[in-house]
Amino acid sequence: MSDKSTLEDVQSLVSQKYLGKAGIHGVGIRRSKSAITVYVDPGDRPSQKELLDLIEEEIKPFSLMVVEEGRASIP
């Protein structure tokens, strides 16, 4: 990532490239931690770990926070 990229730029990039892959169902921002938050389906999948490691490298200098949480549903 370029040093001039903003959290919003990185959030957009991650959303476009990775949303819907390996259980990723949400991408947010935590400004207080200079972090991108990725919401994933609970469960340990090898493909998910590999993809999260790739995202973590790609978004530097920002941090990655992973939240295991089921998808929201409309009753």
Protein backbone atom coordinates (compact mmCIF):
# COMPACT_ATOMS: atom_id res chain seq x y z
CA MET A 1 0.00 0.00 0.00
CA SER A 2 1.17 3.50 -0.68
CA ASP A 3 1.96 5.64 2.36
CA LYS A 4 -0.58 8.13 1.01
CA SER A 5 -3.45 5.64 1.01
CA THR A 6 -6.21 6.34 3.50
CA LEU A 7 -8.13 3.82 5.55
CA GLU A 8 -11.08 4.44 3.25
CA ASP A 9 -8.97 3.64 0.18
CA VAL A 10 -7.76 0.42 1.77
CA GLN A 11 -11.26 -0.54 2.92
CA SER A 12 -12.52 -0.09 -0.63
CA LEU A 13 -9.68 -2.17 -2.05
CA VAL A 14 -10.20 -5.00 0.42
CA SER A 15 -13.97 -4.95 -0.18
CA GLN A 16 -13.57 -5.09 -3.95
CA LYS A 17 -10.93 -7.82 -3.95
CA TYR A 18 -11.93 -10.07 -1.07
CA LEU A 19 -15.57 -9.62 -0.03
CA GLY A 20 -17.36 -12.92 -0.50
CA LYS A 21 -14.16 -15.00 -0.53
CA ALA A 22 -13.17 -17.52 2.17
CA GLY A 23 -16.08 -16.55 4.40
CA ILE A 24 -15.39 -12.80 4.39
CA HIS A 25 -18.76 -11.06 4.65
CA GLY A 26 -17.89 -7.57 5.87
CA VAL A 27 -15.11 -4.99 5.80
CA GLY A 28 -14.95 -2.01 8.15
CA ILE A 29 -12.61 0.56 9.63
CA ARG A 30 -11.34 1.08 13.20
CA ARG A 31 -9.88 4.57 13.09
CA SER A 32 -8.71 4.49 16.72
CA LYS A 33 -6.46 1.55 15.88
CA SER A 34 -5.61 2.53 12.29
CA ALA A 35 -7.01 -0.81 11.28
CA ILE A 36 -9.16 -2.51 8.69
CA THR A 37 -11.72 -4.86 10.26
CA VAL A 38 -12.63 -7.99 8.33
CA TYR A 39 -15.72 -9.92 9.41
CA VAL A 40 -15.53 -13.65 8.69
CA ASP A 41 -17.79 -16.63 9.20
CA PRO A 42 -16.80 -18.64 12.28
CA GLY A 43 -14.70 -21.69 11.56
CA ASP A 44 -11.11 -22.50 10.82
CA ARG A 45 -10.46 -22.92 7.12
CA PRO A 46 -6.93 -23.16 5.74
CA SER A 47 -7.93 -21.00 2.76
CA GLN A 48 -9.24 -18.33 5.12
CA LYS A 49 -5.96 -18.14 7.08
CA GLU A 50 -3.94 -17.86 3.87
CA LEU A 51 -6.18 -15.11 2.53
CA LEU A 52 -6.10 -13.15 5.80
CA ASP A 53 -2.30 -13.36 5.85
CA LEU A 54 -2.24 -12.01 2.30
CA ILE A 55 -4.59 -9.15 3.20
CA GLU A 56 -2.50 -8.29 6.25
CA GLU A 57 0.59 -7.91 4.08
CA GLU A 58 -1.27 -5.98 1.40
CA ILE A 59 -2.73 -3.33 3.71
CA LYS A 60 0.47 -2.32 5.51
CA PRO A 61 1.14 0.12 7.16
CA PHE A 62 -2.40 -0.36 8.52
CA SER A 63 -3.34 -3.19 10.86
CA LEU A 64 -5.82 -6.00 10.28
CA MET A 65 -8.45 -6.94 12.83
CA VAL A 66 -10.38 -10.15 12.23
CA VAL A 67 -13.81 -10.60 13.79
CA GLU A 68 -15.37 -14.08 13.64
CA GLU A 69 -19.06 -13.43 13.46
CA GLY A 70 -21.98 -14.99 11.65
CA ARG A 71 -23.62 -13.11 8.81
CA ALA A 72 -26.48 -10.83 9.72
CA SER A 73 -29.88 -12.16 8.79
CA ILE A 74 -33.23 -10.53 8.32
CA PRO A 75 -35.97 -12.36 10.23
